[in-house]
Amino acid sequence: MSINRRRKTFEEKKIEKDAQKMELLFKEHYTLLCLVSFGIVKDRDAAKDIAQDFFIYYWQRRGLINLTVSFKAYAVRAVKNLSLLSLEKTKKENLQLQDLNVRNHQEQKDLDEPGKYQKLNELLNKLPKSRKDIFISFVVHGQSYSEIAQDREISVNTVKTQMKRAYAFLRAQATQDMLPLFALMFSAFLLEIHCFHY
């Protein structure tokens, strides 16, 4: 057996052993970490995503992390921090969207100007297909985030993320004359976000 083959076999065994340890840590701590996160973000899907993100982070950096406390203590603290960051990010995004909504609401009288809908359609066609479909399901068909998530067999948090990215793209690409159109769409979007956070 060559040295390279022995080294590869050793590395494969180490990865397999690490994976078994990780699986045990996940089974033992996942539920607790979801509860810790939920206590902060008050959103079940977001809490699950945060706990999973922590385990992915830990797995990817397992060789670099040198624990000076128990894994449980480390994990709880990390998930709390991730949850607080997520909450802060969501609040910041909501404030930006509200600010845009207030500014654009004042320009609603311009909605009837010809060509805006065509420009909007062109922008929508630039979105990735799944993001566009989610956006249209919400804005045009009036489906809630829960309904969209259920229809597509994805989490509500994924729907929220896709909607935020769609609005961010549209806002960045929109011309000044299209902003009143977005005011109407953003008001529905903000209402849906508000309903999920309270």
C-alpha atoms as a PDB file:
ATOM      1  CA  MET A   1       0.000   0.000   0.000  1.00  0.00           C
ATOM      2  CA  SER A   2       1.425   3.368  -0.974  1.00  0.00           C
ATOM      3  CA  ILE A   3       1.997   6.201   1.484  1.00  0.00           C
ATOM      4  CA  ASN A   4      -0.622   8.338  -0.271  1.00  0.00           C
ATOM      5  CA  ARG A   5      -3.218   5.554   0.020  1.00  0.00           C
ATOM      6  CA  ARG A   6      -2.447   5.048   3.737  1.00  0.00           C
ATOM      7  CA  ARG A   7      -2.675   8.800   4.318  1.00  0.00           C
ATOM      8  CA  LYS A   8      -6.013   8.910   2.480  1.00  0.00           C
ATOM      9  CA  THR A   9      -7.332   5.975   4.484  1.00  0.00           C
ATOM     10  CA  PHE A  10      -6.246   7.685   7.710  1.00  0.00           C
ATOM     11  CA  GLU A  11      -7.975  10.918   6.645  1.00  0.00           C
ATOM     12  CA  GLU A  12     -11.129   9.023   5.646  1.00  0.00           C
ATOM     13  CA  LYS A  13     -11.218   7.302   9.041  1.00  0.00           C
ATOM     14  CA  LYS A  14     -10.722  10.609  10.831  1.00  0.00           C
ATOM     15  CA  ILE A  15     -13.567  12.240   8.884  1.00  0.00           C
ATOM     16  CA  GLU A  16     -15.808   9.252   9.575  1.00  0.00           C
ATOM     17  CA  LYS A  17     -14.989   9.417  13.283  1.00  0.00           C
ATOM     18  CA  ASP A  18     -15.610  13.190  13.327  1.00  0.00           C
ATOM     19  CA  ALA A  19     -18.936  12.650  11.555  1.00  0.00           C
ATOM     20  CA  GLN A  20     -20.017  10.108  14.166  1.00  0.00           C
ATOM     21  CA  LYS A  21     -19.109  12.532  16.974  1.00  0.00           C
ATOM     22  CA  MET A  22     -20.950  15.323  15.198  1.00  0.00           C
ATOM     23  CA  GLU A  23     -24.050  13.177  14.785  1.00  0.00           C
ATOM     24  CA  LEU A  24     -24.070  12.447  18.523  1.00  0.00           C
ATOM     25  CA  LEU A  25     -23.624  16.136  19.367  1.00  0.00           C
ATOM     26  CA  PHE A  26     -26.441  17.042  16.995  1.00  0.00           C
ATOM     27  CA  LYS A  27     -28.832  14.460  18.444  1.00  0.00           C
ATOM     28  CA  GLU A  28     -28.008  15.487  21.996  1.00  0.00           C
ATOM     29  CA  HIS A  29     -28.115  19.280  21.619  1.00  0.00           C
ATOM     30  CA  TYR A  30     -30.207  20.253  18.563  1.00  0.00           C
ATOM     31  CA  THR A  31     -33.552  20.528  20.369  1.00  0.00           C
ATOM     32  CA  LEU A  32     -32.052  22.581  23.194  1.00  0.00           C
ATOM     33  CA  LEU A  33     -30.345  24.932  20.725  1.00  0.00           C
ATOM     34  CA  CYS A  34     -33.605  25.391  18.806  1.00  0.00           C
ATOM     35  CA  LEU A  35     -35.312  26.343  22.075  1.00  0.00           C
ATOM     36  CA  VAL A  36     -32.510  28.762  22.984  1.00  0.00           C
ATOM     37  CA  SER A  37     -32.788  30.445  19.594  1.00  0.00           C
ATOM     38  CA  PHE A  38     -36.594  30.488  19.645  1.00  0.00           C
ATOM     39  CA  GLY A  39     -36.473  32.281  23.004  1.00  0.00           C
ATOM     40  CA  ILE A  40     -34.729  35.140  21.209  1.00  0.00           C
ATOM     41  CA  VAL A  41     -36.077  35.224  17.642  1.00  0.00           C
ATOM     42  CA  LYS A  42     -39.648  34.031  18.440  1.00  0.00           C
ATOM     43  CA  ASP A  43     -39.813  32.232  15.080  1.00  0.00           C
ATOM     44  CA  ARG A  44     -39.732  28.431  14.973  1.00  0.00           C
ATOM     45  CA  ASP A  45     -38.352  28.118  11.431  1.00  0.00           C
ATOM     46  CA  ALA A  46     -35.716  30.790  11.985  1.00  0.00           C
ATOM     47  CA  ALA A  47     -34.679  29.093  15.243  1.00  0.00           C
ATOM     48  CA  LYS A  48     -34.255  25.748  13.456  1.00  0.00           C
ATOM     49  CA  ASP A  49     -32.218  27.422  10.709  1.00  0.00           C
ATOM     50  CA  ILE A  50     -29.976  29.125  13.255  1.00  0.00           C
ATOM     51  CA  ALA A  51     -29.344  25.873  15.151  1.00  0.00           C
ATOM     52  CA  GLN A  52     -28.536  24.099  11.879  1.00  0.00           C
ATOM     53  CA  ASP A  53     -26.276  26.959  10.805  1.00  0.00           C
ATOM     54  CA  PHE A  54     -24.381  26.598  14.070  1.00  0.00           C
ATOM     55  CA  PHE A  55     -23.754  22.882  13.446  1.00  0.00           C
ATOM     56  CA  ILE A  56     -22.614  23.578   9.886  1.00  0.00           C
ATOM     57  CA  TYR A  57     -20.265  26.273  11.179  1.00  0.00           C
ATOM     58  CA  TYR A  58     -18.932  23.937  13.865  1.00  0.00           C
ATOM     59  CA  TRP A  59     -18.432  21.070  11.398  1.00  0.00           C
ATOM     60  CA  GLN A  60     -16.566  23.257   8.922  1.00  0.00           C
ATOM     61  CA  ARG A  61     -14.237  24.612  11.631  1.00  0.00           C
ATOM     62  CA  ARG A  62     -14.004  21.556  13.868  1.00  0.00           C
ATOM     63  CA  GLY A  63     -10.238  21.336  13.437  1.00  0.00           C
ATOM     64  CA  LEU A  64      -9.737  24.983  14.353  1.00  0.00           C
ATOM     65  CA  ILE A  65     -12.022  25.257  17.367  1.00  0.00           C
ATOM     66  CA  ASN A  66     -10.353  24.549  20.692  1.00  0.00           C
ATOM     67  CA  LEU A  67     -13.056  24.366  23.363  1.00  0.00           C
ATOM     68  CA  THR A  68     -12.176  25.664  26.800  1.00  0.00           C
ATOM     69  CA  VAL A  69     -15.715  24.970  28.093  1.00  0.00           C
ATOM     70  CA  SER A  70     -18.164  22.143  27.489  1.00  0.00           C
ATOM     71  CA  PHE A  71     -19.618  21.755  24.014  1.00  0.00           C
ATOM     72  CA  LYS A  72     -23.066  22.530  25.418  1.00  0.00           C
ATOM     73  CA  ALA A  73     -21.910  25.828  26.942  1.00  0.00           C
ATOM     74  CA  TYR A  74     -20.076  26.764  23.754  1.00  0.00           C
ATOM     75  CA  ALA A  75     -23.068  25.852  21.558  1.00  0.00           C
ATOM     76  CA  VAL A  76     -25.614  27.710  23.691  1.00  0.00           C
ATOM     77  CA  ARG A  77     -23.501  30.862  23.687  1.00  0.00           C
ATOM     78  CA  ALA A  78     -22.859  30.643  19.933  1.00  0.00           C
ATOM     79  CA  VAL A  79     -26.565  30.104  19.156  1.00  0.00           C
ATOM     80  CA  LYS A  80     -27.533  33.034  21.384  1.00  0.00           C
ATOM     81  CA  ASN A  81     -25.089  35.250  19.486  1.00  0.00           C
ATOM     82  CA  LEU A  82     -26.308  33.996  16.105  1.00  0.00           C
ATOM     83  CA  SER A  83     -29.920  34.582  17.167  1.00  0.00           C
ATOM     84  CA  LEU A  84     -29.192  38.130  18.305  1.00  0.00           C
ATOM     85  CA  LEU A  85     -27.403  38.854  15.025  1.00  0.00           C
ATOM     86  CA  SER A  86     -30.347  37.442  13.083  1.00  0.00           C
ATOM     87  CA  LEU A  87     -32.802  39.542  15.077  1.00  0.00           C
ATOM     88  CA  GLU A  88     -30.717  42.676  14.549  1.00  0.00           C
ATOM     89  CA  LYS A  89     -30.449  41.998  10.809  1.00  0.00           C
ATOM     90  CA  THR A  90     -34.207  41.447  10.499  1.00  0.00           C
ATOM     91  CA  LYS A  91     -34.984  44.659  12.394  1.00  0.00           C
ATOM     92  CA  LYS A  92     -32.576  46.617  10.196  1.00  0.00           C
ATOM     93  CA  GLU A  93     -34.128  45.198   7.015  1.00  0.00           C
ATOM     94  CA  ASN A  94     -37.629  45.989   8.279  1.00  0.00           C
ATOM     95  CA  LEU A  95     -36.641  49.584   9.069  1.00  0.00           C
ATOM     96  CA  GLN A  96     -35.153  49.992   5.601  1.00  0.00           C
ATOM     97  CA  LEU A  97     -38.314  48.606   4.014  1.00  0.00           C
ATOM     98  CA  GLN A  98     -40.539  50.841   6.130  1.00  0.00           C
ATOM     99  CA  ASP A  99     -38.453  53.846   5.175  1.00  0.00           C
ATOM    100  CA  LEU A 100     -38.799  52.958   1.510  1.00  0.00           C
ATOM    101  CA  ASN A 101     -42.534  52.414   1.956  1.00  0.00           C
ATOM    102  CA  VAL A 102     -43.049  55.832   3.541  1.00  0.00           C
ATOM    103  CA  ARG A 103     -41.081  57.630   0.825  1.00  0.00           C
ATOM    104  CA  ASN A 104     -42.758  55.770  -2.001  1.00  0.00           C
ATOM    105  CA  HIS A 105     -46.251  56.030  -0.584  1.00  0.00           C
ATOM    106  CA  GLN A 106     -46.150  59.777  -1.212  1.00  0.00           C
ATOM    107  CA  GLU A 107     -45.708  59.118  -4.941  1.00  0.00           C
ATOM    108  CA  GLN A 108     -48.725  56.824  -5.447  1.00  0.00           C
ATOM    109  CA  LYS A 109     -50.459  59.312  -7.738  1.00  0.00           C
ATOM    110  CA  ASP A 110     -47.909  58.404 -10.443  1.00  0.00           C
ATOM    111  CA  LEU A 111     -49.103  54.803 -10.648  1.00  0.00           C
ATOM    112  CA  ASP A 112     -51.054  55.255 -13.856  1.00  0.00           C
ATOM    113  CA  GLU A 113     -48.080  56.368 -15.924  1.00  0.00           C
ATOM    114  CA  PRO A 114     -47.738  54.049 -18.986  1.00  0.00           C
ATOM    115  CA  GLY A 115     -44.782  51.686 -19.340  1.00  0.00           C
ATOM    116  CA  LYS A 116     -44.126  51.096 -15.646  1.00  0.00           C
ATOM    117  CA  TYR A 117     -45.707  47.671 -15.622  1.00  0.00           C
ATOM    118  CA  GLN A 118     -43.666  46.621 -18.627  1.00  0.00           C
ATOM    119  CA  LYS A 119     -40.466  47.795 -16.901  1.00  0.00           C
ATOM    120  CA  LEU A 120     -41.489  45.918 -13.744  1.00  0.00           C
ATOM    121  CA  ASN A 121     -42.124  42.772 -15.764  1.00  0.00           C
ATOM    122  CA  GLU A 122     -38.687  43.075 -17.360  1.00  0.00           C
ATOM    123  CA  LEU A 123     -37.098  43.374 -13.903  1.00  0.00           C
ATOM    124  CA  LEU A 124     -39.076  40.399 -12.612  1.00  0.00           C
ATOM    125  CA  ASN A 125     -37.803  38.306 -15.512  1.00  0.00           C
ATOM    126  CA  LYS A 126     -34.248  38.994 -14.332  1.00  0.00           C
ATOM    127  CA  LEU A 127     -34.928  37.261 -10.993  1.00  0.00           C
ATOM    128  CA  PRO A 128     -34.068  33.566 -10.564  1.00  0.00           C
ATOM    129  CA  LYS A 129     -37.153  31.503 -11.487  1.00  0.00           C
ATOM    130  CA  SER A 130     -37.919  30.199  -7.986  1.00  0.00           C
ATOM    131  CA  ARG A 131     -37.543  33.697  -6.462  1.00  0.00           C
ATOM    132  CA  LYS A 132     -39.763  35.191  -9.171  1.00  0.00           C
ATOM    133  CA  ASP A 133     -42.407  32.490  -8.607  1.00  0.00           C
ATOM    134  CA  ILE A 134     -42.420  33.102  -4.852  1.00  0.00           C
ATOM    135  CA  PHE A 135     -42.626  36.862  -5.398  1.00  0.00           C
ATOM    136  CA  ILE A 136     -45.544  36.532  -7.842  1.00  0.00           C
ATOM    137  CA  SER A 137     -47.347  34.080  -5.548  1.00  0.00           C
ATOM    138  CA  PHE A 138     -47.221  36.663  -2.778  1.00  0.00           C
ATOM    139  CA  VAL A 139     -47.755  39.941  -4.642  1.00  0.00           C
ATOM    140  CA  VAL A 140     -50.038  38.891  -7.494  1.00  0.00           C
ATOM    141  CA  HIS A 141     -51.866  35.846  -6.136  1.00  0.00           C
ATOM    142  CA  GLY A 142     -52.044  37.122  -2.564  1.00  0.00           C
ATOM    143  CA  GLN A 143     -50.740  33.945  -0.945  1.00  0.00           C
ATOM    144  CA  SER A 144     -49.343  34.192   2.568  1.00  0.00           C
ATOM    145  CA  TYR A 145     -45.786  33.115   3.390  1.00  0.00           C
ATOM    146  CA  SER A 146     -47.187  29.997   5.071  1.00  0.00           C
ATOM    147  CA  GLU A 147     -49.213  29.050   1.999  1.00  0.00           C
ATOM    148  CA  ILE A 148     -46.253  29.574  -0.321  1.00  0.00           C
ATOM    149  CA  ALA A 149     -43.999  27.525   1.963  1.00  0.00           C
ATOM    150  CA  GLN A 150     -46.534  24.712   2.147  1.00  0.00           C
ATOM    151  CA  ASP A 151     -47.121  24.664  -1.638  1.00  0.00           C
ATOM    152  CA  ARG A 152     -43.399  24.551  -2.386  1.00  0.00           C
ATOM    153  CA  GLU A 153     -42.433  22.329   0.575  1.00  0.00           C
ATOM    154  CA  ILE A 154     -39.920  24.860   1.902  1.00  0.00           C
ATOM    155  CA  SER A 155     -39.650  26.694   5.206  1.00  0.00           C
ATOM    156  CA  VAL A 156     -41.392  29.998   5.852  1.00  0.00           C
ATOM    157  CA  ASN A 157     -37.951  31.426   6.572  1.00  0.00           C
ATOM    158  CA  THR A 158     -36.838  30.485   3.042  1.00  0.00           C
ATOM    159  CA  VAL A 159     -39.869  32.310   1.634  1.00  0.00           C
ATOM    160  CA  LYS A 160     -39.000  35.384   3.732  1.00  0.00           C
ATOM    161  CA  THR A 161     -35.408  35.304   2.520  1.00  0.00           C
ATOM    162  CA  GLN A 162     -36.438  34.976  -1.110  1.00  0.00           C
ATOM    163  CA  MET A 163     -38.926  37.843  -0.764  1.00  0.00           C
ATOM    164  CA  LYS A 164     -36.340  40.099   0.873  1.00  0.00           C
ATOM    165  CA  ARG A 165     -33.836  39.338  -1.873  1.00  0.00           C
ATOM    166  CA  ALA A 166     -36.436  39.959  -4.581  1.00  0.00           C
ATOM    167  CA  TYR A 167     -37.374  43.331  -3.073  1.00  0.00           C
ATOM    168  CA  ALA A 168     -33.723  44.298  -2.605  1.00  0.00           C
ATOM    169  CA  PHE A 169     -33.003  43.492  -6.253  1.00  0.00           C
ATOM    170  CA  LEU A 170     -36.078  45.319  -7.529  1.00  0.00           C
ATOM    171  CA  ARG A 171     -35.360  48.339  -5.372  1.00  0.00           C
ATOM    172  CA  ALA A 172     -31.765  48.522  -6.591  1.00  0.00           C
ATOM    173  CA  GLN A 173     -32.785  48.143 -10.240  1.00  0.00           C
ATOM    174  CA  ALA A 174     -35.922  50.304 -10.254  1.00  0.00           C
ATOM    175  CA  THR A 175     -36.002  53.647 -11.952  1.00  0.00           C
ATOM    176  CA  GLN A 176     -37.430  56.654 -10.097  1.00  0.00           C
ATOM    177  CA  ASP A 177     -40.764  56.462 -11.935  1.00  0.00           C
ATOM    178  CA  MET A 178     -41.311  52.867 -10.747  1.00  0.00           C
ATOM    179  CA  LEU A 179     -40.978  53.598  -7.044  1.00  0.00           C
ATOM    180  CA  PRO A 180     -44.721  54.209  -6.461  1.00  0.00           C
ATOM    181  CA  LEU A 181     -45.432  50.692  -7.751  1.00  0.00           C
ATOM    182  CA  PHE A 182     -43.040  49.320  -5.182  1.00  0.00           C
ATOM    183  CA  ALA A 183     -44.716  51.319  -2.431  1.00  0.00           C
ATOM    184  CA  LEU A 184     -47.870  49.275  -2.868  1.00  0.00           C
ATOM    185  CA  MET A 185     -45.999  45.979  -3.040  1.00  0.00           C
ATOM    186  CA  PHE A 186     -43.793  46.815  -0.049  1.00  0.00           C
ATOM    187  CA  SER A 187     -46.792  47.692   2.103  1.00  0.00           C
ATOM    188  CA  ALA A 188     -48.159  44.164   1.601  1.00  0.00           C
ATOM    189  CA  PHE A 189     -44.686  42.733   2.235  1.00  0.00           C
ATOM    190  CA  LEU A 190     -44.260  44.708   5.471  1.00  0.00           C
ATOM    191  CA  LEU A 191     -47.690  43.630   6.662  1.00  0.00           C
ATOM    192  CA  GLU A 192     -46.764  39.970   6.120  1.00  0.00           C
ATOM    193  CA  ILE A 193     -43.427  40.375   7.945  1.00  0.00           C
ATOM    194  CA  HIS A 194     -45.183  42.190  10.781  1.00  0.00           C
ATOM    195  CA  CYS A 195     -47.680  39.326  11.135  1.00  0.00           C
ATOM    196  CA  PHE A 196     -44.884  36.769  11.446  1.00  0.00           C
ATOM    197  CA  HIS A 197     -42.953  38.674  14.093  1.00  0.00           C
ATOM    198  CA  TYR A 198     -45.865  39.399  16.452  1.00  0.00           C
END
